[in-house]
N, C-alpha and C. Protein backbone atom coordinates (compact mmCIF):
# COMPACT_ATOMS: atom_id res chain seq x y z
N MET A 1 0.84 -1.17 0.00
CA MET A 1 0.00 0.00 0.00
C MET A 1 0.89 1.24 0.00
N ASP A 2 0.58 2.18 -0.82
CA ASP A 2 1.35 3.42 -0.94
C ASP A 2 1.00 4.35 0.21
N THR A 3 2.03 4.90 0.87
CA THR A 3 1.78 5.85 1.95
C THR A 3 2.27 7.24 1.59
N SER A 4 2.71 7.42 0.35
CA SER A 4 3.34 8.68 -0.02
C SER A 4 2.38 9.85 -0.05
N ARG A 5 1.10 9.66 -0.39
CA ARG A 5 0.21 10.81 -0.51
C ARG A 5 -0.72 10.98 0.68
N GLY A 6 -0.65 10.07 1.67
CA GLY A 6 -1.55 10.15 2.80
C GLY A 6 -1.07 11.10 3.88
N GLY A 7 0.17 11.50 3.83
CA GLY A 7 0.71 12.38 4.84
C GLY A 7 0.86 11.68 6.18
N ALA A 8 1.88 11.95 6.90
CA ALA A 8 2.15 11.42 8.24
C ALA A 8 2.05 9.90 8.29
N GLY A 9 2.43 9.25 7.20
CA GLY A 9 2.43 7.80 7.18
C GLY A 9 1.06 7.15 7.13
N VAL A 10 0.03 7.92 6.78
CA VAL A 10 -1.33 7.37 6.69
C VAL A 10 -1.43 6.58 5.39
N PRO A 11 -1.79 5.31 5.47
CA PRO A 11 -1.93 4.52 4.23
C PRO A 11 -3.05 5.08 3.36
N VAL A 12 -2.82 4.99 2.06
CA VAL A 12 -3.86 5.44 1.13
C VAL A 12 -4.27 4.28 0.25
N GLY A 13 -5.52 4.31 -0.16
CA GLY A 13 -6.04 3.29 -1.05
C GLY A 13 -5.70 3.63 -2.48
N PRO A 14 -6.19 2.83 -3.42
CA PRO A 14 -5.89 3.03 -4.84
C PRO A 14 -6.35 4.39 -5.36
N SER A 15 -7.37 4.98 -4.75
CA SER A 15 -7.87 6.26 -5.23
C SER A 15 -7.06 7.43 -4.68
N GLY A 16 -6.11 7.14 -3.80
CA GLY A 16 -5.34 8.21 -3.20
C GLY A 16 -5.96 8.71 -1.91
N ASN A 17 -7.12 8.20 -1.54
CA ASN A 17 -7.77 8.57 -0.29
C ASN A 17 -7.25 7.68 0.83
N PRO A 18 -7.30 8.17 2.07
CA PRO A 18 -6.86 7.31 3.18
C PRO A 18 -7.66 6.00 3.18
N ALA A 19 -6.94 4.91 3.43
CA ALA A 19 -7.59 3.60 3.46
C ALA A 19 -8.54 3.54 4.65
N GLY A 20 -9.67 2.88 4.46
CA GLY A 20 -10.66 2.75 5.53
C GLY A 20 -10.30 1.60 6.46
N PRO A 21 -11.18 1.35 7.41
CA PRO A 21 -10.93 0.25 8.34
C PRO A 21 -11.01 -1.09 7.62
N GLY A 22 -10.32 -2.06 8.17
CA GLY A 22 -10.39 -3.40 7.63
C GLY A 22 -11.68 -4.08 8.05
N PRO A 23 -11.89 -5.30 7.57
CA PRO A 23 -13.16 -5.98 7.85
C PRO A 23 -13.42 -6.20 9.33
N GLU A 24 -12.43 -6.64 10.08
CA GLU A 24 -12.65 -6.89 11.51
C GLU A 24 -13.01 -5.62 12.25
N GLN A 25 -12.27 -4.55 11.96
CA GLN A 25 -12.55 -3.28 12.63
C GLN A 25 -13.94 -2.76 12.25
N MET A 26 -14.29 -2.87 10.99
CA MET A 26 -15.59 -2.38 10.54
C MET A 26 -16.72 -3.18 11.20
N TYR A 27 -16.57 -4.50 11.23
CA TYR A 27 -17.58 -5.34 11.87
C TYR A 27 -17.69 -4.99 13.36
N ASP A 28 -16.54 -4.90 14.02
CA ASP A 28 -16.54 -4.61 15.45
C ASP A 28 -17.19 -3.28 15.77
N LEU A 29 -16.94 -2.27 14.94
CA LEU A 29 -17.57 -0.96 15.17
C LEU A 29 -19.08 -1.05 15.04
N ALA A 30 -19.56 -1.75 14.04
CA ALA A 30 -21.01 -1.92 13.86
C ALA A 30 -21.60 -2.71 15.02
N TYR A 31 -20.89 -3.75 15.45
CA TYR A 31 -21.39 -4.57 16.55
C TYR A 31 -21.44 -3.78 17.86
N GLN A 32 -20.46 -2.92 18.07
CA GLN A 32 -20.49 -2.05 19.25
C GLN A 32 -21.73 -1.17 19.24
N GLN A 33 -22.08 -0.66 18.08
CA GLN A 33 -23.29 0.17 17.95
C GLN A 33 -24.53 -0.68 18.25
N TYR A 34 -24.55 -1.89 17.77
CA TYR A 34 -25.66 -2.79 18.04
C TYR A 34 -25.79 -3.04 19.54
N ARG A 35 -24.68 -3.37 20.18
CA ARG A 35 -24.70 -3.65 21.62
C ARG A 35 -25.14 -2.44 22.43
N ALA A 36 -24.89 -1.25 21.92
CA ALA A 36 -25.29 -0.01 22.60
C ALA A 36 -26.72 0.40 22.23
N SER A 37 -27.43 -0.48 21.55
CA SER A 37 -28.83 -0.23 21.12
C SER A 37 -28.95 0.93 20.15
N ARG A 38 -27.89 1.24 19.44
CA ARG A 38 -27.93 2.25 18.38
C ARG A 38 -28.17 1.50 17.07
N TYR A 39 -29.39 1.02 16.91
CA TYR A 39 -29.69 0.07 15.84
C TYR A 39 -29.58 0.67 14.45
N GLY A 40 -30.01 1.89 14.27
CA GLY A 40 -29.90 2.52 12.96
C GLY A 40 -28.45 2.64 12.52
N THR A 41 -27.60 3.10 13.43
CA THR A 41 -26.18 3.24 13.13
C THR A 41 -25.54 1.86 12.90
N ALA A 42 -25.95 0.90 13.71
CA ALA A 42 -25.42 -0.46 13.55
C ALA A 42 -25.77 -1.02 12.18
N ARG A 43 -27.04 -0.82 11.76
CA ARG A 43 -27.45 -1.32 10.44
C ARG A 43 -26.62 -0.70 9.33
N LEU A 44 -26.38 0.60 9.44
CA LEU A 44 -25.55 1.26 8.42
C LEU A 44 -24.17 0.62 8.37
N GLY A 45 -23.58 0.39 9.53
CA GLY A 45 -22.25 -0.22 9.59
C GLY A 45 -22.24 -1.64 9.04
N PHE A 46 -23.24 -2.43 9.43
CA PHE A 46 -23.31 -3.80 8.92
C PHE A 46 -23.55 -3.83 7.42
N ARG A 47 -24.40 -2.95 6.92
CA ARG A 47 -24.66 -2.92 5.47
C ARG A 47 -23.41 -2.52 4.69
N GLU A 48 -22.68 -1.55 5.22
CA GLU A 48 -21.44 -1.14 4.56
C GLU A 48 -20.42 -2.29 4.61
N PHE A 49 -20.35 -2.97 5.74
CA PHE A 49 -19.48 -4.14 5.87
C PHE A 49 -19.82 -5.17 4.79
N LEU A 50 -21.12 -5.47 4.64
CA LEU A 50 -21.55 -6.45 3.64
C LEU A 50 -21.27 -5.98 2.22
N ARG A 51 -21.38 -4.68 1.99
CA ARG A 51 -21.09 -4.14 0.66
C ARG A 51 -19.61 -4.31 0.32
N LEU A 52 -18.76 -4.03 1.29
CA LEU A 52 -17.32 -4.07 1.04
C LEU A 52 -16.72 -5.47 1.17
N PHE A 53 -17.31 -6.28 2.04
CA PHE A 53 -16.73 -7.59 2.34
C PHE A 53 -17.80 -8.69 2.30
N PRO A 54 -18.46 -8.87 1.16
CA PRO A 54 -19.60 -9.81 1.09
C PRO A 54 -19.23 -11.27 1.33
N THR A 55 -17.97 -11.62 1.15
CA THR A 55 -17.57 -13.01 1.34
C THR A 55 -16.79 -13.23 2.63
N ASN A 56 -16.67 -12.22 3.45
CA ASN A 56 -15.97 -12.35 4.72
C ASN A 56 -16.69 -13.35 5.61
N GLU A 57 -15.93 -14.04 6.44
CA GLU A 57 -16.53 -15.05 7.33
C GLU A 57 -17.56 -14.45 8.29
N ARG A 58 -17.49 -13.14 8.54
CA ARG A 58 -18.45 -12.49 9.44
C ARG A 58 -19.70 -11.99 8.71
N ALA A 59 -19.77 -12.16 7.40
CA ALA A 59 -20.92 -11.67 6.63
C ALA A 59 -22.25 -12.25 7.13
N PRO A 60 -22.33 -13.56 7.43
CA PRO A 60 -23.60 -14.07 7.96
C PRO A 60 -23.99 -13.40 9.28
N ASP A 61 -22.98 -13.12 10.12
CA ASP A 61 -23.25 -12.46 11.40
C ASP A 61 -23.78 -11.05 11.17
N ALA A 62 -23.15 -10.34 10.24
CA ALA A 62 -23.58 -8.97 9.96
C ALA A 62 -25.02 -8.94 9.47
N LEU A 63 -25.36 -9.84 8.57
CA LEU A 63 -26.73 -9.88 8.06
C LEU A 63 -27.70 -10.27 9.17
N TYR A 64 -27.33 -11.24 9.98
CA TYR A 64 -28.19 -11.67 11.09
C TYR A 64 -28.46 -10.50 12.05
N PHE A 65 -27.43 -9.74 12.37
CA PHE A 65 -27.62 -8.63 13.31
C PHE A 65 -28.40 -7.48 12.69
N ILE A 66 -28.40 -7.37 11.38
CA ILE A 66 -29.32 -6.41 10.75
C ILE A 66 -30.75 -6.85 11.07
N GLY A 67 -31.02 -8.14 10.92
CA GLY A 67 -32.34 -8.67 11.26
C GLY A 67 -32.68 -8.45 12.72
N GLU A 68 -31.74 -8.74 13.60
CA GLU A 68 -31.96 -8.55 15.03
C GLU A 68 -32.28 -7.09 15.35
N SER A 69 -31.57 -6.18 14.69
CA SER A 69 -31.77 -4.75 14.96
C SER A 69 -33.14 -4.28 14.49
N LEU A 70 -33.72 -5.00 13.55
CA LEU A 70 -35.04 -4.63 13.02
C LEU A 70 -36.19 -5.30 13.77
N ALA A 71 -35.91 -6.38 14.46
CA ALA A 71 -36.97 -7.22 15.04
C ALA A 71 -37.94 -6.44 15.93
N GLY A 72 -37.44 -5.51 16.72
CA GLY A 72 -38.31 -4.75 17.61
C GLY A 72 -39.02 -3.61 16.93
N GLU A 73 -38.54 -3.21 15.76
CA GLU A 73 -39.09 -2.04 15.06
C GLU A 73 -40.01 -2.42 13.91
N ASN A 74 -39.61 -3.44 13.16
CA ASN A 74 -40.34 -3.77 11.95
C ASN A 74 -40.21 -5.28 11.70
N ALA A 75 -41.19 -6.03 12.20
CA ALA A 75 -41.12 -7.49 12.12
C ALA A 75 -41.05 -7.99 10.68
N ASP A 76 -41.76 -7.32 9.77
CA ASP A 76 -41.72 -7.75 8.37
C ASP A 76 -40.33 -7.61 7.77
N SER A 77 -39.68 -6.49 8.05
CA SER A 77 -38.32 -6.29 7.54
C SER A 77 -37.35 -7.27 8.18
N ALA A 78 -37.51 -7.50 9.48
CA ALA A 78 -36.65 -8.46 10.17
C ALA A 78 -36.82 -9.85 9.55
N ALA A 79 -38.07 -10.24 9.30
CA ALA A 79 -38.33 -11.56 8.71
C ALA A 79 -37.68 -11.68 7.33
N ALA A 80 -37.74 -10.63 6.55
CA ALA A 80 -37.11 -10.66 5.22
C ALA A 80 -35.60 -10.85 5.34
N VAL A 81 -35.00 -10.20 6.32
CA VAL A 81 -33.55 -10.34 6.51
C VAL A 81 -33.22 -11.74 7.01
N TYR A 82 -34.00 -12.27 7.95
CA TYR A 82 -33.76 -13.63 8.42
C TYR A 82 -33.88 -14.64 7.27
N GLN A 83 -34.85 -14.43 6.39
CA GLN A 83 -34.99 -15.30 5.21
C GLN A 83 -33.72 -15.24 4.36
N GLN A 84 -33.20 -14.03 4.22
CA GLN A 84 -31.98 -13.84 3.42
C GLN A 84 -30.80 -14.56 4.05
N VAL A 85 -30.71 -14.54 5.39
CA VAL A 85 -29.63 -15.26 6.08
C VAL A 85 -29.69 -16.74 5.73
N VAL A 86 -30.89 -17.32 5.84
CA VAL A 86 -31.06 -18.76 5.58
C VAL A 86 -30.75 -19.09 4.12
N LYS A 87 -31.21 -18.25 3.22
CA LYS A 87 -31.01 -18.50 1.78
C LYS A 87 -29.55 -18.31 1.36
N THR A 88 -28.93 -17.23 1.84
CA THR A 88 -27.59 -16.88 1.39
C THR A 88 -26.49 -17.66 2.11
N TYR A 89 -26.72 -17.95 3.39
CA TYR A 89 -25.68 -18.60 4.21
C TYR A 89 -26.24 -19.85 4.90
N PRO A 90 -26.73 -20.83 4.15
CA PRO A 90 -27.40 -21.97 4.78
C PRO A 90 -26.50 -22.83 5.66
N THR A 91 -25.18 -22.75 5.47
CA THR A 91 -24.27 -23.55 6.29
C THR A 91 -23.71 -22.78 7.48
N SER A 92 -24.09 -21.54 7.62
CA SER A 92 -23.62 -20.72 8.74
C SER A 92 -24.38 -21.09 10.01
N PRO A 93 -23.72 -20.98 11.16
CA PRO A 93 -24.44 -21.17 12.43
C PRO A 93 -25.57 -20.16 12.62
N ARG A 94 -25.56 -19.09 11.87
CA ARG A 94 -26.64 -18.10 11.97
C ARG A 94 -27.91 -18.56 11.26
N ALA A 95 -27.81 -19.53 10.35
CA ALA A 95 -29.00 -19.99 9.62
C ALA A 95 -30.04 -20.61 10.54
N PRO A 96 -29.67 -21.56 11.43
CA PRO A 96 -30.70 -22.09 12.32
C PRO A 96 -31.25 -21.04 13.28
N ALA A 97 -30.41 -20.11 13.69
CA ALA A 97 -30.88 -19.02 14.55
C ALA A 97 -31.89 -18.16 13.82
N ALA A 98 -31.62 -17.88 12.55
CA ALA A 98 -32.54 -17.06 11.76
C ALA A 98 -33.86 -17.79 11.53
N LEU A 99 -33.80 -19.09 11.26
CA LEU A 99 -35.03 -19.88 11.09
C LEU A 99 -35.85 -19.87 12.38
N TYR A 100 -35.17 -20.04 13.50
CA TYR A 100 -35.85 -20.01 14.79
C TYR A 100 -36.52 -18.66 15.01
N LYS A 101 -35.82 -17.59 14.68
CA LYS A 101 -36.39 -16.24 14.82
C LYS A 101 -37.60 -16.07 13.92
N LEU A 102 -37.57 -16.66 12.73
CA LEU A 102 -38.74 -16.61 11.85
C LEU A 102 -39.94 -17.29 12.51
N GLY A 103 -39.68 -18.41 13.17
CA GLY A 103 -40.75 -19.08 13.91
C GLY A 103 -41.27 -18.23 15.04
N PHE A 104 -40.36 -17.60 15.75
CA PHE A 104 -40.74 -16.73 16.87
C PHE A 104 -41.59 -15.56 16.39
N LEU A 105 -41.17 -14.93 15.29
CA LEU A 105 -41.94 -13.80 14.74
C LEU A 105 -43.33 -14.26 14.29
N ALA A 106 -43.40 -15.42 13.66
CA ALA A 106 -44.70 -15.95 13.24
C ALA A 106 -45.59 -16.20 14.46
N GLU A 107 -44.99 -16.74 15.49
CA GLU A 107 -45.74 -17.01 16.72
C GLU A 107 -46.25 -15.71 17.35
N GLN A 108 -45.41 -14.69 17.37
CA GLN A 108 -45.82 -13.39 17.91
C GLN A 108 -47.01 -12.81 17.15
N ARG A 109 -47.09 -13.10 15.88
CA ARG A 109 -48.18 -12.59 15.05
C ARG A 109 -49.44 -13.45 15.14
N GLY A 110 -49.36 -14.51 15.91
CA GLY A 110 -50.50 -15.40 16.04
C GLY A 110 -50.59 -16.44 14.94
N ASN A 111 -49.54 -16.55 14.13
CA ASN A 111 -49.50 -17.52 13.03
C ASN A 111 -48.86 -18.81 13.53
N LYS A 112 -49.66 -19.60 14.25
CA LYS A 112 -49.13 -20.82 14.86
C LYS A 112 -48.69 -21.84 13.81
N ALA A 113 -49.43 -21.94 12.72
CA ALA A 113 -49.05 -22.89 11.67
C ALA A 113 -47.70 -22.51 11.06
N GLY A 114 -47.51 -21.23 10.79
CA GLY A 114 -46.23 -20.76 10.26
C GLY A 114 -45.10 -20.99 11.24
N ALA A 115 -45.36 -20.72 12.52
CA ALA A 115 -44.35 -20.93 13.55
C ALA A 115 -43.95 -22.40 13.60
N ARG A 116 -44.95 -23.29 13.58
CA ARG A 116 -44.65 -24.72 13.61
C ARG A 116 -43.78 -25.13 12.42
N THR A 117 -44.08 -24.57 11.26
CA THR A 117 -43.31 -24.89 10.05
C THR A 117 -41.85 -24.48 10.22
N TYR A 118 -41.62 -23.27 10.70
CA TYR A 118 -40.24 -22.82 10.88
C TYR A 118 -39.52 -23.64 11.94
N TYR A 119 -40.19 -23.90 13.07
CA TYR A 119 -39.55 -24.68 14.12
C TYR A 119 -39.23 -26.09 13.63
N ALA A 120 -40.13 -26.68 12.85
CA ALA A 120 -39.88 -28.02 12.30
C ALA A 120 -38.70 -28.00 11.34
N ARG A 121 -38.56 -26.93 10.58
CA ARG A 121 -37.41 -26.81 9.66
C ARG A 121 -36.10 -26.72 10.43
N VAL A 122 -36.11 -25.99 11.55
CA VAL A 122 -34.89 -25.91 12.37
C VAL A 122 -34.47 -27.32 12.77
N ILE A 123 -35.42 -28.09 13.27
CA ILE A 123 -35.14 -29.45 13.75
C ILE A 123 -34.69 -30.35 12.61
N ALA A 124 -35.37 -30.27 11.47
CA ALA A 124 -35.06 -31.14 10.33
C ALA A 124 -33.73 -30.77 9.66
N ASP A 125 -33.52 -29.47 9.46
CA ASP A 125 -32.34 -29.03 8.71
C ASP A 125 -31.09 -28.87 9.57
N TYR A 126 -31.29 -28.59 10.85
CA TYR A 126 -30.15 -28.31 11.74
C TYR A 126 -30.32 -29.05 13.06
N PRO A 127 -30.41 -30.39 13.03
CA PRO A 127 -30.74 -31.15 14.24
C PRO A 127 -29.73 -31.00 15.38
N ARG A 128 -28.49 -30.65 15.06
CA ARG A 128 -27.47 -30.52 16.09
C ARG A 128 -27.29 -29.09 16.60
N ALA A 129 -27.98 -28.16 15.99
CA ALA A 129 -27.86 -26.75 16.41
C ALA A 129 -28.57 -26.55 17.75
N PRO A 130 -28.06 -25.66 18.58
CA PRO A 130 -28.73 -25.37 19.85
C PRO A 130 -30.18 -24.95 19.66
N GLU A 131 -30.46 -24.28 18.56
CA GLU A 131 -31.83 -23.82 18.29
C GLU A 131 -32.80 -24.98 18.06
N ALA A 132 -32.27 -26.16 17.69
CA ALA A 132 -33.15 -27.31 17.48
C ALA A 132 -33.84 -27.70 18.79
N ASN A 133 -33.11 -27.66 19.90
CA ASN A 133 -33.73 -27.96 21.19
C ASN A 133 -34.77 -26.91 21.56
N LEU A 134 -34.45 -25.65 21.30
CA LEU A 134 -35.42 -24.58 21.56
C LEU A 134 -36.67 -24.78 20.71
N ALA A 135 -36.46 -25.15 19.46
CA ALA A 135 -37.58 -25.36 18.54
C ALA A 135 -38.45 -26.53 19.00
N ARG A 136 -37.82 -27.59 19.52
CA ARG A 136 -38.59 -28.73 20.04
C ARG A 136 -39.49 -28.28 21.19
N ASP A 137 -38.92 -27.47 22.08
CA ASP A 137 -39.71 -26.95 23.21
C ASP A 137 -40.89 -26.11 22.71
N LYS A 138 -40.62 -25.26 21.73
CA LYS A 138 -41.68 -24.41 21.18
C LYS A 138 -42.78 -25.26 20.54
N LEU A 139 -42.39 -26.29 19.79
CA LEU A 139 -43.38 -27.15 19.15
C LEU A 139 -44.25 -27.85 20.19
N GLN A 140 -43.64 -28.29 21.28
CA GLN A 140 -44.42 -28.94 22.34
C GLN A 140 -45.43 -27.96 22.94
N ARG A 141 -45.00 -26.73 23.17
CA ARG A 141 -45.90 -25.73 23.75
C ARG A 141 -47.02 -25.35 22.79
N LEU A 142 -46.70 -25.31 21.51
CA LEU A 142 -47.72 -24.96 20.52
C LEU A 142 -48.65 -26.12 20.23
N GLY A 143 -48.22 -27.31 20.55
CA GLY A 143 -49.00 -28.49 20.20
C GLY A 143 -48.79 -28.79 18.74
N ARG A 144 -48.39 -29.97 18.45
CA ARG A 144 -48.08 -30.33 17.07
C ARG A 144 -49.36 -30.39 16.33
């Protein structure tokens, strides 16, 4: 990386502008915002992270936390993001968590049939995931 035009040893990117944070730093900054309940700012950070580093190992986490940040504000948007987690990153540990959250959101809306479907998918598709045990409990409470 060229440092000649950044002044004071500041690294510059190909455009001659100072280089931005790396993937870990960017993810960590967004996650700090999430933990501080600054959900709008966290979503911006996670979306930018996904734009710049779509194949990074933390990409499923970033997308999942976008969904989490929306869950209390807009259940429909959160559900769409959780669906995207499952579709885009089916082998990620976040996929069973996202499916479980879809069941939870359906249950909150009074859609017991939809909730049962999601919980059953968690158990069928991810039998060893911690969420599978939670889903079994939910199915028992809902009555199969």
